[in-house]
């Protein structure tokens, strides 16, 4: 069942320089209980899209449906009620700095009319879930960035939402803290069945937690599908660039010099999982064909909780046995694709 259905959504803003098309005919289907990533570089339209999901931004065209009901059909009162089922967390936490941790979590409960004792009881339960009960009397300024984001998550859960929207929720955090927050979100998704939408510009976030992903560029969805499929078989230059950037600084070496040294041979990208890693495939390939193979890059990533290895290989230029060697890799369970974009 679709929790969120986005149909032909476009969003145009008027500025002093004219019209700005932030979103252009976006169509997405996000299933109940899914962890769905929306990724793109700065200015791609990600934040506008997520704000359209709870009608903080009203689309210029198209519809957003939550559990089959179009938000455009709701009255303002009905829309406010609907937003109680859609929690949201942000990059910079948006906590009330003058309020204690527990009062921050209680804030949406007070808005709903809950009494102080009832609100505090619920807030303590939520702080226990996010691992911060001992900090309930502290103030945000006394917390680390990761702790502040945990408070923000507890606050977002206060109204028992069915959907949690995360707008660059880990962008202000270091890698270790990011992993901890993503693990917490995954736990919340698993234990409570909450549908989570992750807005990010980092492919590492998508591959660590998301099941499905949509890639935005200039307000257009250029690619979408299961994270594993997009990672194994990227169809667009945007996806390949995001995957390449995810490889990290170790991959950012002077490849043009390396290419010159190995005579500009054909470059391919292979991807393997734990099921295709029980034998030394590359070593056996070299022994079988008696041909040299250069490994330009090797990396292993966690994609949806499954180890996925990636290698960029280069064969000798104009080698007549290259196609047979690629077929050998395919026959041994590896995904094989072209990779001229990676090091051109």
C-alpha atoms as a PDB file:
ATOM      1  CA  UNK A   1       0.000   0.000   0.000  1.00  0.00           C
ATOM      2  CA  UNK A   2       1.210   3.508  -0.833  1.00  0.00           C
ATOM      3  CA  UNK A   3       1.668   5.688   2.215  1.00  0.00           C
ATOM      4  CA  UNK A   4       2.625   8.700   0.100  1.00  0.00           C
ATOM      5  CA  UNK A   5       1.672   9.185  -3.540  1.00  0.00           C
ATOM      6  CA  UNK A   6       3.002  12.186  -5.442  1.00  0.00           C
ATOM      7  CA  UNK A   7       1.296  12.759  -8.779  1.00  0.00           C
ATOM      8  CA  UNK A   8       2.611  15.243 -11.363  1.00  0.00           C
ATOM      9  CA  UNK A   9       3.753  17.707  -8.714  1.00  0.00           C
ATOM     10  CA  UNK A  10       5.335  20.938  -9.904  1.00  0.00           C
ATOM     11  CA  UNK A  11       6.245  23.949  -7.809  1.00  0.00           C
ATOM     12  CA  UNK A  12       7.001  27.401  -9.190  1.00  0.00           C
ATOM     13  CA  UNK A  13       8.199  30.327  -7.108  1.00  0.00           C
ATOM     14  CA  UNK A  14       8.017  33.949  -8.197  1.00  0.00           C
ATOM     15  CA  UNK A  15      11.133  36.009  -7.607  1.00  0.00           C
ATOM     16  CA  UNK A  16      12.327  39.428  -8.681  1.00  0.00           C
ATOM     17  CA  UNK A  17      14.153  37.685 -11.529  1.00  0.00           C
ATOM     18  CA  UNK A  18      11.012  35.878 -12.696  1.00  0.00           C
ATOM     19  CA  UNK A  19       9.707  32.358 -12.240  1.00  0.00           C
ATOM     20  CA  UNK A  20      11.783  29.651 -10.594  1.00  0.00           C
ATOM     21  CA  UNK A  21      10.694  26.072 -11.314  1.00  0.00           C
ATOM     22  CA  UNK A  22      11.749  24.216  -8.182  1.00  0.00           C
ATOM     23  CA  UNK A  23       9.893  20.988  -9.081  1.00  0.00           C
ATOM     24  CA  UNK A  24       8.834  19.740 -12.501  1.00  0.00           C
ATOM     25  CA  UNK A  25       6.247  16.962 -12.893  1.00  0.00           C
ATOM     26  CA  UNK A  26       7.464  14.817  -9.988  1.00  0.00           C
ATOM     27  CA  UNK A  27       5.855  11.382  -9.597  1.00  0.00           C
ATOM     28  CA  UNK A  28       6.770   9.149  -6.650  1.00  0.00           C
ATOM     29  CA  UNK A  29       5.173   6.283  -4.755  1.00  0.00           C
ATOM     30  CA  UNK A  30       6.402   5.619  -1.222  1.00  0.00           C
ATOM     31  CA  UNK A  31       5.170   2.410   0.383  1.00  0.00           C
ATOM     32  CA  UNK A  32       3.968   2.025   3.949  1.00  0.00           C
ATOM     33  CA  UNK A  33       6.871   1.230   6.277  1.00  0.00           C
ATOM     34  CA  UNK A  34       9.482   2.095   3.637  1.00  0.00           C
ATOM     35  CA  UNK A  35      12.670   4.065   4.226  1.00  0.00           C
ATOM     36  CA  UNK A  36      12.800   6.197   1.093  1.00  0.00           C
ATOM     37  CA  UNK A  37      15.721   8.413   0.135  1.00  0.00           C
ATOM     38  CA  UNK A  38      15.482  11.553  -1.970  1.00  0.00           C
ATOM     39  CA  UNK A  39      18.935  12.635  -3.031  1.00  0.00           C
ATOM     40  CA  UNK A  40      20.405  15.381  -5.146  1.00  0.00           C
ATOM     41  CA  UNK A  41      22.919  18.171  -5.064  1.00  0.00           C
ATOM     42  CA  UNK A  42      22.210  21.627  -3.659  1.00  0.00           C
ATOM     43  CA  UNK A  43      19.362  23.322  -5.519  1.00  0.00           C
ATOM     44  CA  UNK A  44      17.913  20.085  -6.882  1.00  0.00           C
ATOM     45  CA  UNK A  45      14.533  20.694  -5.224  1.00  0.00           C
ATOM     46  CA  UNK A  46      14.753  18.139  -2.411  1.00  0.00           C
ATOM     47  CA  UNK A  47      13.640  20.371   0.446  1.00  0.00           C
ATOM     48  CA  UNK A  48      10.824  21.848  -1.621  1.00  0.00           C
ATOM     49  CA  UNK A  49       9.599  18.340  -2.398  1.00  0.00           C
ATOM     50  CA  UNK A  50       9.608  17.218   1.239  1.00  0.00           C
ATOM     51  CA  UNK A  51       7.723  20.372   2.267  1.00  0.00           C
ATOM     52  CA  UNK A  52       5.111  19.580  -0.364  1.00  0.00           C
ATOM     53  CA  UNK A  53       4.562  16.221   1.352  1.00  0.00           C
ATOM     54  CA  UNK A  54       2.954  17.918   4.353  1.00  0.00           C
ATOM     55  CA  UNK A  55       1.707  20.971   2.464  1.00  0.00           C
ATOM     56  CA  UNK A  56       4.031  23.422   4.153  1.00  0.00           C
ATOM     57  CA  UNK A  57       4.509  24.215   0.468  1.00  0.00           C
ATOM     58  CA  UNK A  58       1.411  23.900  -1.694  1.00  0.00           C
ATOM     59  CA  UNK A  59       2.253  22.475  -5.144  1.00  0.00           C
ATOM     60  CA  UNK A  60       1.602  24.740  -8.122  1.00  0.00           C
ATOM     61  CA  UNK A  61       0.365  21.665  -9.990  1.00  0.00           C
ATOM     62  CA  UNK A  62      -0.350  18.040  -9.149  1.00  0.00           C
ATOM     63  CA  UNK A  63      -1.471  16.194  -6.029  1.00  0.00           C
ATOM     64  CA  UNK A  64      -0.015  14.715  -2.856  1.00  0.00           C
ATOM     65  CA  UNK A  65      -1.991  11.831  -1.348  1.00  0.00           C
ATOM     66  CA  UNK A  66      -1.425  10.408   2.140  1.00  0.00           C
ATOM     67  CA  UNK A  67      -3.018   6.980   2.584  1.00  0.00           C
ATOM     68  CA  UNK A  68      -5.139   7.656  -0.495  1.00  0.00           C
ATOM     69  CA  UNK A  69      -6.415  11.065   0.631  1.00  0.00           C
ATOM     70  CA  UNK A  70      -5.405  14.178  -1.320  1.00  0.00           C
ATOM     71  CA  UNK A  71      -4.076  16.940   0.928  1.00  0.00           C
ATOM     72  CA  UNK A  72      -5.591  19.499  -1.440  1.00  0.00           C
ATOM     73  CA  UNK A  73      -9.074  18.261  -0.445  1.00  0.00           C
ATOM     74  CA  UNK A  74      -8.530  19.007   3.259  1.00  0.00           C
ATOM     75  CA  UNK A  75      -9.762  22.082   5.056  1.00  0.00           C
ATOM     76  CA  UNK A  76      -7.175  24.067   7.000  1.00  0.00           C
ATOM     77  CA  UNK A  77      -8.342  22.418  10.228  1.00  0.00           C
ATOM     78  CA  UNK A  78      -8.177  18.940   8.680  1.00  0.00           C
ATOM     79  CA  UNK A  79      -4.717  19.722   7.317  1.00  0.00           C
ATOM     80  CA  UNK A  80      -3.437  20.708  10.766  1.00  0.00           C
ATOM     81  CA  UNK A  81      -4.776  17.417  12.106  1.00  0.00           C
ATOM     82  CA  UNK A  82      -3.141  15.501   9.249  1.00  0.00           C
ATOM     83  CA  UNK A  83       0.219  17.090  10.022  1.00  0.00           C
ATOM     84  CA  UNK A  84       0.111  15.495  13.477  1.00  0.00           C
ATOM     85  CA  UNK A  85       0.647  12.169  11.702  1.00  0.00           C
ATOM     86  CA  UNK A  86       3.656  13.552   9.805  1.00  0.00           C
ATOM     87  CA  UNK A  87       6.693  14.215  11.989  1.00  0.00           C
ATOM     88  CA  UNK A  88       9.614  16.255  10.707  1.00  0.00           C
ATOM     89  CA  UNK A  89      13.259  16.684  11.724  1.00  0.00           C
ATOM     90  CA  UNK A  90      15.707  19.197  10.322  1.00  0.00           C
ATOM     91  CA  UNK A  91      19.405  19.759   9.759  1.00  0.00           C
ATOM     92  CA  UNK A  92      19.739  22.333  12.539  1.00  0.00           C
ATOM     93  CA  UNK A  93      17.433  20.610  15.059  1.00  0.00           C
ATOM     94  CA  UNK A  94      15.055  23.609  15.599  1.00  0.00           C
ATOM     95  CA  UNK A  95      14.918  23.086  19.353  1.00  0.00           C
ATOM     96  CA  UNK A  96      13.641  25.674  21.830  1.00  0.00           C
ATOM     97  CA  UNK A  97      16.929  26.758  23.386  1.00  0.00           C
ATOM     98  CA  UNK A  98      15.316  28.289  26.479  1.00  0.00           C
ATOM     99  CA  UNK A  99      13.431  25.053  27.282  1.00  0.00           C
ATOM    100  CA  UNK A 100      14.795  21.869  28.855  1.00  0.00           C
ATOM    101  CA  UNK A 101      15.066  18.640  26.902  1.00  0.00           C
ATOM    102  CA  UNK A 102      11.869  17.208  28.355  1.00  0.00           C
ATOM    103  CA  UNK A 103       9.951  20.442  27.746  1.00  0.00           C
ATOM    104  CA  UNK A 104      11.090  20.403  24.102  1.00  0.00           C
ATOM    105  CA  UNK A 105       9.634  16.929  23.694  1.00  0.00           C
ATOM    106  CA  UNK A 106       6.462  17.940  25.551  1.00  0.00           C
ATOM    107  CA  UNK A 107       5.880  20.981  23.333  1.00  0.00           C
ATOM    108  CA  UNK A 108       3.791  19.258  20.600  1.00  0.00           C
ATOM    109  CA  UNK A 109       1.866  17.382  23.298  1.00  0.00           C
ATOM    110  CA  UNK A 110       0.918  20.642  24.966  1.00  0.00           C
ATOM    111  CA  UNK A 111      -0.304  21.929  21.602  1.00  0.00           C
ATOM    112  CA  UNK A 112      -2.558  18.860  21.415  1.00  0.00           C
ATOM    113  CA  UNK A 113      -3.994  19.767  24.817  1.00  0.00           C
ATOM    114  CA  UNK A 114      -2.260  17.128  26.932  1.00  0.00           C
ATOM    115  CA  UNK A 115      -1.910  17.778  30.650  1.00  0.00           C
ATOM    116  CA  UNK A 116       1.600  18.298  32.028  1.00  0.00           C
ATOM    117  CA  UNK A 117       1.768  14.976  33.880  1.00  0.00           C
ATOM    118  CA  UNK A 118       0.580  13.013  30.856  1.00  0.00           C
ATOM    119  CA  UNK A 119       2.923  14.905  28.528  1.00  0.00           C
ATOM    120  CA  UNK A 120       5.929  14.331  30.831  1.00  0.00           C
ATOM    121  CA  UNK A 121       5.182  10.619  31.059  1.00  0.00           C
ATOM    122  CA  UNK A 122       5.060  10.305  27.266  1.00  0.00           C
ATOM    123  CA  UNK A 123       8.171  12.467  26.851  1.00  0.00           C
ATOM    124  CA  UNK A 124      10.140  10.273  29.229  1.00  0.00           C
ATOM    125  CA  UNK A 125       9.121   7.189  27.240  1.00  0.00           C
ATOM    126  CA  UNK A 126      10.360   8.822  24.061  1.00  0.00           C
ATOM    127  CA  UNK A 127      13.624   9.990  25.614  1.00  0.00           C
ATOM    128  CA  UNK A 128      14.181   6.396  26.756  1.00  0.00           C
ATOM    129  CA  UNK A 129      13.700   5.229  23.160  1.00  0.00           C
ATOM    130  CA  UNK A 130      16.305   7.681  21.829  1.00  0.00           C
ATOM    131  CA  UNK A 131      18.703   6.995  24.707  1.00  0.00           C
ATOM    132  CA  UNK A 132      18.576  10.409  26.388  1.00  0.00           C
ATOM    133  CA  UNK A 133      16.404  10.008  29.462  1.00  0.00           C
ATOM    134  CA  UNK A 134      19.298  10.989  31.726  1.00  0.00           C
ATOM    135  CA  UNK A 135      19.494  14.341  29.910  1.00  0.00           C
ATOM    136  CA  UNK A 136      15.833  15.270  30.406  1.00  0.00           C
ATOM    137  CA  UNK A 137      16.644  18.259  32.649  1.00  0.00           C
ATOM    138  CA  UNK A 138      19.491  19.548  30.466  1.00  0.00           C
ATOM    139  CA  UNK A 139      19.184  22.392  27.974  1.00  0.00           C
ATOM    140  CA  UNK A 140      20.024  22.132  24.257  1.00  0.00           C
ATOM    141  CA  UNK A 141      23.163  24.258  24.642  1.00  0.00           C
ATOM    142  CA  UNK A 142      24.550  21.580  26.979  1.00  0.00           C
ATOM    143  CA  UNK A 143      24.143  18.823  24.377  1.00  0.00           C
ATOM    144  CA  UNK A 144      26.226  17.625  21.458  1.00  0.00           C
ATOM    145  CA  UNK A 145      24.864  17.834  17.922  1.00  0.00           C
ATOM    146  CA  UNK A 146      23.965  14.149  17.939  1.00  0.00           C
ATOM    147  CA  UNK A 147      22.163  14.499  21.257  1.00  0.00           C
ATOM    148  CA  UNK A 148      20.202  17.508  20.002  1.00  0.00           C
ATOM    149  CA  UNK A 149      19.109  15.517  16.972  1.00  0.00           C
ATOM    150  CA  UNK A 150      17.960  12.692  19.249  1.00  0.00           C
ATOM    151  CA  UNK A 151      15.825  15.189  21.160  1.00  0.00           C
ATOM    152  CA  UNK A 152      14.415  16.422  17.846  1.00  0.00           C
ATOM    153  CA  UNK A 153      13.570  12.828  16.887  1.00  0.00           C
ATOM    154  CA  UNK A 154      11.858  12.232  20.242  1.00  0.00           C
ATOM    155  CA  UNK A 155       9.850  15.431  19.751  1.00  0.00           C
ATOM    156  CA  UNK A 156       8.855  14.370  16.229  1.00  0.00           C
ATOM    157  CA  UNK A 157       7.605  11.047  17.608  1.00  0.00           C
ATOM    158  CA  UNK A 158       5.512  12.669  20.334  1.00  0.00           C
ATOM    159  CA  UNK A 159       2.320  12.775  18.282  1.00  0.00           C
ATOM    160  CA  UNK A 160       2.645   9.104  17.161  1.00  0.00           C
ATOM    161  CA  UNK A 161       3.259   9.930  13.504  1.00  0.00           C
ATOM    162  CA  UNK A 162       2.837   7.417  10.703  1.00  0.00           C
ATOM    163  CA  UNK A 163       5.391   9.291   8.581  1.00  0.00           C
ATOM    164  CA  UNK A 164       8.721  10.888   9.531  1.00  0.00           C
ATOM    165  CA  UNK A 165      10.271  13.411   7.136  1.00  0.00           C
ATOM    166  CA  UNK A 166      14.012  13.988   7.621  1.00  0.00           C
ATOM    167  CA  UNK A 167      15.335  17.068   5.817  1.00  0.00           C
ATOM    168  CA  UNK A 168      19.155  16.804   5.746  1.00  0.00           C
ATOM    169  CA  UNK A 169      18.884  15.523   9.331  1.00  0.00           C
ATOM    170  CA  UNK A 170      22.506  14.303   9.473  1.00  0.00           C
ATOM    171  CA  UNK A 171      24.250  16.970   7.389  1.00  0.00           C
ATOM    172  CA  UNK A 172      25.473  18.888  10.447  1.00  0.00           C
ATOM    173  CA  UNK A 173      26.875  15.758  12.125  1.00  0.00           C
ATOM    174  CA  UNK A 174      30.222  13.964  11.936  1.00  0.00           C
ATOM    175  CA  UNK A 175      30.320  10.521  10.250  1.00  0.00           C
ATOM    176  CA  UNK A 176      30.260   8.492  13.478  1.00  0.00           C
ATOM    177  CA  UNK A 177      27.315  10.447  14.897  1.00  0.00           C
ATOM    178  CA  UNK A 178      25.568  10.231  11.521  1.00  0.00           C
ATOM    179  CA  UNK A 179      25.793   6.437  11.658  1.00  0.00           C
ATOM    180  CA  UNK A 180      24.345   6.431  15.180  1.00  0.00           C
ATOM    181  CA  UNK A 181      21.401   8.624  14.148  1.00  0.00           C
ATOM    182  CA  UNK A 182      20.743   6.474  11.079  1.00  0.00           C
ATOM    183  CA  UNK A 183      20.824   3.341  13.246  1.00  0.00           C
ATOM    184  CA  UNK A 184      18.266   4.984  15.552  1.00  0.00           C
ATOM    185  CA  UNK A 185      16.006   5.858  12.608  1.00  0.00           C
ATOM    186  CA  UNK A 186      16.276   2.294  11.331  1.00  0.00           C
ATOM    187  CA  UNK A 187      15.311   0.991  14.783  1.00  0.00           C
ATOM    188  CA  UNK A 188      12.300   3.324  14.896  1.00  0.00           C
ATOM    189  CA  UNK A 189      11.217   2.184  11.443  1.00  0.00           C
ATOM    190  CA  UNK A 190      11.562  -1.476  12.414  1.00  0.00           C
ATOM    191  CA  UNK A 191       9.893  -1.298  15.826  1.00  0.00           C
ATOM    192  CA  UNK A 192       7.076   1.149  15.062  1.00  0.00           C
ATOM    193  CA  UNK A 193       6.551   0.677  11.311  1.00  0.00           C
ATOM    194  CA  UNK A 194       6.912   4.399  10.662  1.00  0.00           C
ATOM    195  CA  UNK A 195       7.446   5.359   7.025  1.00  0.00           C
ATOM    196  CA  UNK A 196      10.629   7.445   6.814  1.00  0.00           C
ATOM    197  CA  UNK A 197      11.610   9.832   4.024  1.00  0.00           C
ATOM    198  CA  UNK A 198      15.271  10.859   4.047  1.00  0.00           C
ATOM    199  CA  UNK A 199      16.283  14.040   2.207  1.00  0.00           C
ATOM    200  CA  UNK A 200      20.041  14.143   1.665  1.00  0.00           C
ATOM    201  CA  UNK A 201      22.869  15.003  -0.689  1.00  0.00           C
ATOM    202  CA  UNK A 202      24.984  12.090   0.578  1.00  0.00           C
ATOM    203  CA  UNK A 203      24.839   8.711  -1.162  1.00  0.00           C
ATOM    204  CA  UNK A 204      26.442   7.191   1.947  1.00  0.00           C
ATOM    205  CA  UNK A 205      23.262   8.015   3.913  1.00  0.00           C
ATOM    206  CA  UNK A 206      21.036   6.478   1.244  1.00  0.00           C
ATOM    207  CA  UNK A 207      22.973   3.227   0.953  1.00  0.00           C
ATOM    208  CA  UNK A 208      23.234   2.820   4.733  1.00  0.00           C
ATOM    209  CA  UNK A 209      19.545   3.105   5.590  1.00  0.00           C
ATOM    210  CA  UNK A 210      17.229   3.474   2.578  1.00  0.00           C
ATOM    211  CA  UNK A 211      15.354   0.762   0.706  1.00  0.00           C
ATOM    212  CA  UNK A 212      14.329   2.927  -2.248  1.00  0.00           C
ATOM    213  CA  UNK A 213      15.693   6.164  -3.673  1.00  0.00           C
ATOM    214  CA  UNK A 214      14.760   8.941  -6.068  1.00  0.00           C
ATOM    215  CA  UNK A 215      17.474  11.136  -7.567  1.00  0.00           C
ATOM    216  CA  UNK A 216      16.597  14.763  -8.288  1.00  0.00           C
ATOM    217  CA  UNK A 217      18.343  17.194 -10.595  1.00  0.00           C
ATOM    218  CA  UNK A 218      17.015  20.668 -11.317  1.00  0.00           C
ATOM    219  CA  UNK A 219      13.597  19.746  -9.938  1.00  0.00           C
ATOM    220  CA  UNK A 220      13.255  16.598 -12.068  1.00  0.00           C
ATOM    221  CA  UNK A 221      13.353  12.969 -10.916  1.00  0.00           C
ATOM    222  CA  UNK A 222      16.049  11.573 -13.197  1.00  0.00           C
ATOM    223  CA  UNK A 223      16.241   8.090 -11.665  1.00  0.00           C
ATOM    224  CA  UNK A 224      14.388   6.069  -9.041  1.00  0.00           C
ATOM    225  CA  UNK A 225      14.164   2.494  -7.790  1.00  0.00           C
ATOM    226  CA  UNK A 226      15.512   0.104  -5.188  1.00  0.00           C
ATOM    227  CA  UNK A 227      18.772   1.353  -3.680  1.00  0.00           C
ATOM    228  CA  UNK A 228      20.540  -1.894  -4.554  1.00  0.00           C
ATOM    229  CA  UNK A 229      19.495  -1.610  -8.211  1.00  0.00           C
ATOM    230  CA  UNK A 230      20.561   2.031  -8.483  1.00  0.00           C
ATOM    231  CA  UNK A 231      23.872   1.250  -6.802  1.00  0.00           C
ATOM    232  CA  UNK A 232      24.561  -1.791  -8.978  1.00  0.00           C
ATOM    233  CA  UNK A 233      23.246  -0.372 -12.246  1.00  0.00           C
ATOM    234  CA  UNK A 234      23.174   3.445 -12.218  1.00  0.00           C
ATOM    235  CA  UNK A 235      21.376   4.643 -15.338  1.00  0.00           C
ATOM    236  CA  UNK A 236      22.228   8.351 -15.300  1.00  0.00           C
ATOM    237  CA  UNK A 237      25.339  10.501 -15.055  1.00  0.00           C
ATOM    238  CA  UNK A 238      23.916  12.075 -11.876  1.00  0.00           C
ATOM    239  CA  UNK A 239      23.661   8.683 -10.154  1.00  0.00           C
ATOM    240  CA  UNK A 240      27.154   7.699 -11.248  1.00  0.00           C
ATOM    241  CA  UNK A 241      28.540  10.989  -9.943  1.00  0.00           C
ATOM    242  CA  UNK A 242      26.881  10.513  -6.554  1.00  0.00           C
ATOM    243  CA  UNK A 243      28.217   6.949  -6.310  1.00  0.00           C
ATOM    244  CA  UNK A 244      31.664   8.111  -7.345  1.00  0.00           C
ATOM    245  CA  UNK A 245      31.676  10.892  -4.746  1.00  0.00           C
ATOM    246  CA  UNK A 246      30.588   8.346  -2.133  1.00  0.00           C
ATOM    247  CA  UNK A 247      33.847   6.484  -2.691  1.00  0.00           C
ATOM    248  CA  UNK A 248      35.545   9.145  -0.580  1.00  0.00           C
ATOM    249  CA  UNK A 249      38.809  10.980  -0.727  1.00  0.00           C
ATOM    250  CA  UNK A 250      40.867   7.836  -1.257  1.00  0.00           C
ATOM    251  CA  UNK A 251      39.444   7.568  -4.748  1.00  0.00           C
ATOM    252  CA  UNK A 252      40.336  11.175  -5.530  1.00  0.00           C
ATOM    253  CA  UNK A 253      43.756  10.502  -6.938  1.00  0.00           C
ATOM    254  CA  UNK A 254      45.362  11.593 -10.218  1.00  0.00           C
ATOM    255  CA  UNK A 255      43.685   8.972 -12.375  1.00  0.00           C
ATOM    256  CA  UNK A 256      44.611  10.749 -15.606  1.00  0.00           C
ATOM    257  CA  UNK A 257      48.283   9.957 -14.884  1.00  0.00           C
ATOM    258  CA  UNK A 258      47.438   6.331 -14.065  1.00  0.00           C
ATOM    259  CA  UNK A 259      45.450   6.012 -17.262  1.00  0.00           C
ATOM    260  CA  UNK A 260      48.408   7.246 -19.278  1.00  0.00           C
ATOM    261  CA  UNK A 261      50.630   4.644 -17.643  1.00  0.00           C
ATOM    262  CA  UNK A 262      48.302   1.814 -18.631  1.00  0.00           C
ATOM    263  CA  UNK A 263      47.741   3.006 -22.189  1.00  0.00           C
ATOM    264  CA  UNK A 264      44.129   4.188 -21.833  1.00  0.00           C
ATOM    265  CA  UNK A 265      42.653   0.690 -21.834  1.00  0.00           C
ATOM    266  CA  UNK A 266      38.943   0.013 -21.365  1.00  0.00           C
ATOM    267  CA  UNK A 267      37.605   0.797 -17.889  1.00  0.00           C
ATOM    268  CA  UNK A 268      34.753  -1.206 -16.372  1.00  0.00           C
ATOM    269  CA  UNK A 269      32.939  -1.191 -13.048  1.00  0.00           C
ATOM    270  CA  UNK A 270      32.137  -4.464 -11.322  1.00  0.00           C
ATOM    271  CA  UNK A 271      29.956  -4.929  -8.247  1.00  0.00           C
ATOM    272  CA  UNK A 272      29.790  -8.037  -6.084  1.00  0.00           C
ATOM    273  CA  UNK A 273      27.892  -9.053  -2.953  1.00  0.00           C
ATOM    274  CA  UNK A 274      28.705 -11.577  -0.270  1.00  0.00           C
ATOM    275  CA  UNK A 275      27.261 -14.260  -2.563  1.00  0.00           C
ATOM    276  CA  UNK A 276      29.847 -13.588  -5.255  1.00  0.00           C
ATOM    277  CA  UNK A 277      32.856 -13.227  -2.981  1.00  0.00           C
ATOM    278  CA  UNK A 278      33.627 -16.816  -2.071  1.00  0.00           C
ATOM    279  CA  UNK A 279      36.520 -17.119  -4.513  1.00  0.00           C
ATOM    280  CA  UNK A 280      39.292 -14.780  -5.672  1.00  0.00           C
ATOM    281  CA  UNK A 281      37.534 -13.972  -8.951  1.00  0.00           C
ATOM    282  CA  UNK A 282      39.995 -11.344 -10.184  1.00  0.00           C
ATOM    283  CA  UNK A 283      43.040 -13.505  -9.432  1.00  0.00           C
ATOM    284  CA  UNK A 284      41.407 -16.474 -11.176  1.00  0.00           C
ATOM    285  CA  UNK A 285      40.508 -14.248 -14.133  1.00  0.00           C
ATOM    286  CA  UNK A 286      44.153 -13.301 -14.592  1.00  0.00           C
ATOM    287  CA  UNK A 287      45.280 -16.930 -14.252  1.00  0.00           C
ATOM    288  CA  UNK A 288      42.611 -18.171 -16.673  1.00  0.00           C
ATOM    289  CA  UNK A 289      43.288 -15.667 -19.433  1.00  0.00           C
ATOM    290  CA  UNK A 290      46.937 -14.837 -18.795  1.00  0.00           C
ATOM    291  CA  UNK A 291      46.157 -11.148 -19.246  1.00  0.00           C
ATOM    292  CA  UNK A 292      47.000  -8.270 -16.882  1.00  0.00           C
ATOM    293  CA  UNK A 293      44.172  -6.432 -15.115  1.00  0.00           C
ATOM    294  CA  UNK A 294      44.646  -3.143 -13.327  1.00  0.00           C
ATOM    295  CA  UNK A 295      42.541  -2.439 -10.249  1.00  0.00           C
ATOM    296  CA  UNK A 296      42.032   1.334 -10.252  1.00  0.00           C
ATOM    297  CA  UNK A 297      39.780   1.377  -7.219  1.00  0.00           C
ATOM    298  CA  UNK A 298      38.313  -1.121  -4.786  1.00  0.00           C
ATOM    299  CA  UNK A 299      35.757  -0.348  -2.124  1.00  0.00           C
ATOM    300  CA  UNK A 300      33.191  -2.161  -0.020  1.00  0.00           C
ATOM    301  CA  UNK A 301      30.019  -0.459   1.132  1.00  0.00           C
ATOM    302  CA  UNK A 302      27.019  -1.338   3.257  1.00  0.00           C
ATOM    303  CA  UNK A 303      23.983  -1.045   0.972  1.00  0.00           C
ATOM    304  CA  UNK A 304      20.763  -1.644   2.878  1.00  0.00           C
ATOM    305  CA  UNK A 305      22.562  -3.765   5.439  1.00  0.00           C
ATOM    306  CA  UNK A 306      24.247  -5.957   2.804  1.00  0.00           C
ATOM    307  CA  UNK A 307      27.937  -5.774   1.897  1.00  0.00           C
ATOM    308  CA  UNK A 308      28.408  -4.659  -1.697  1.00  0.00           C
ATOM    309  CA  UNK A 309      31.878  -4.492  -3.146  1.00  0.00           C
ATOM    310  CA  UNK A 310      32.835  -2.260  -6.040  1.00  0.00           C
ATOM    311  CA  UNK A 311      35.922  -2.369  -8.226  1.00  0.00           C
ATOM    312  CA  UNK A 312      37.016  -0.250 -11.141  1.00  0.00           C
ATOM    313  CA  UNK A 313      39.129  -2.404 -13.468  1.00  0.00           C
ATOM    314  CA  UNK A 314      41.123  -1.546 -16.548  1.00  0.00           C
ATOM    315  CA  UNK A 315      42.056  -3.977 -19.319  1.00  0.00           C
ATOM    316  CA  UNK A 316      44.819  -3.622 -21.873  1.00  0.00           C
ATOM    317  CA  UNK A 317      44.004  -1.318 -24.754  1.00  0.00           C
ATOM    318  CA  UNK A 318      42.536  -3.069 -27.810  1.00  0.00           C
ATOM    319  CA  UNK A 319      42.727  -6.463 -26.108  1.00  0.00           C
ATOM    320  CA  UNK A 320      40.751  -8.996 -28.240  1.00  0.00           C
ATOM    321  CA  UNK A 321      40.041 -11.080 -25.122  1.00  0.00           C
ATOM    322  CA  UNK A 322      38.354  -8.260 -23.161  1.00  0.00           C
ATOM    323  CA  UNK A 323      34.790  -9.357 -23.995  1.00  0.00           C
ATOM    324  CA  UNK A 324      35.532 -12.949 -22.958  1.00  0.00           C
ATOM    325  CA  UNK A 325      37.015 -11.677 -19.695  1.00  0.00           C
ATOM    326  CA  UNK A 326      33.905  -9.595 -18.976  1.00  0.00           C
ATOM    327  CA  UNK A 327      31.741 -12.626 -19.673  1.00  0.00           C
ATOM    328  CA  UNK A 328      33.855 -14.616 -17.203  1.00  0.00           C
ATOM    329  CA  UNK A 329      33.051 -12.033 -14.523  1.00  0.00           C
ATOM    330  CA  UNK A 330      29.346 -12.190 -15.361  1.00  0.00           C
ATOM    331  CA  UNK A 331      29.393 -15.983 -15.208  1.00  0.00           C
ATOM    332  CA  UNK A 332      30.844 -15.759 -11.691  1.00  0.00           C
ATOM    333  CA  UNK A 333      27.967 -13.668 -10.370  1.00  0.00           C
ATOM    334  CA  UNK A 334      29.384 -10.158 -10.679  1.00  0.00           C
ATOM    335  CA  UNK A 335      27.610  -7.142 -12.118  1.00  0.00           C
ATOM    336  CA  UNK A 336      29.632  -5.630 -14.967  1.00  0.00           C
ATOM    337  CA  UNK A 337      29.120  -2.181 -16.456  1.00  0.00           C
ATOM    338  CA  UNK A 338      30.967   0.558 -18.259  1.00  0.00           C
ATOM    339  CA  UNK A 339      32.703   3.231 -16.212  1.00  0.00           C
ATOM    340  CA  UNK A 340      34.275   5.864 -18.484  1.00  0.00           C
ATOM    341  CA  UNK A 341      32.562   8.607 -16.429  1.00  0.00           C
ATOM    342  CA  UNK A 342      34.464   7.666 -13.293  1.00  0.00           C
ATOM    343  CA  UNK A 343      37.936   8.628 -14.381  1.00  0.00           C
ATOM    344  CA  UNK A 344      37.646  10.525 -17.602  1.00  0.00           C
END
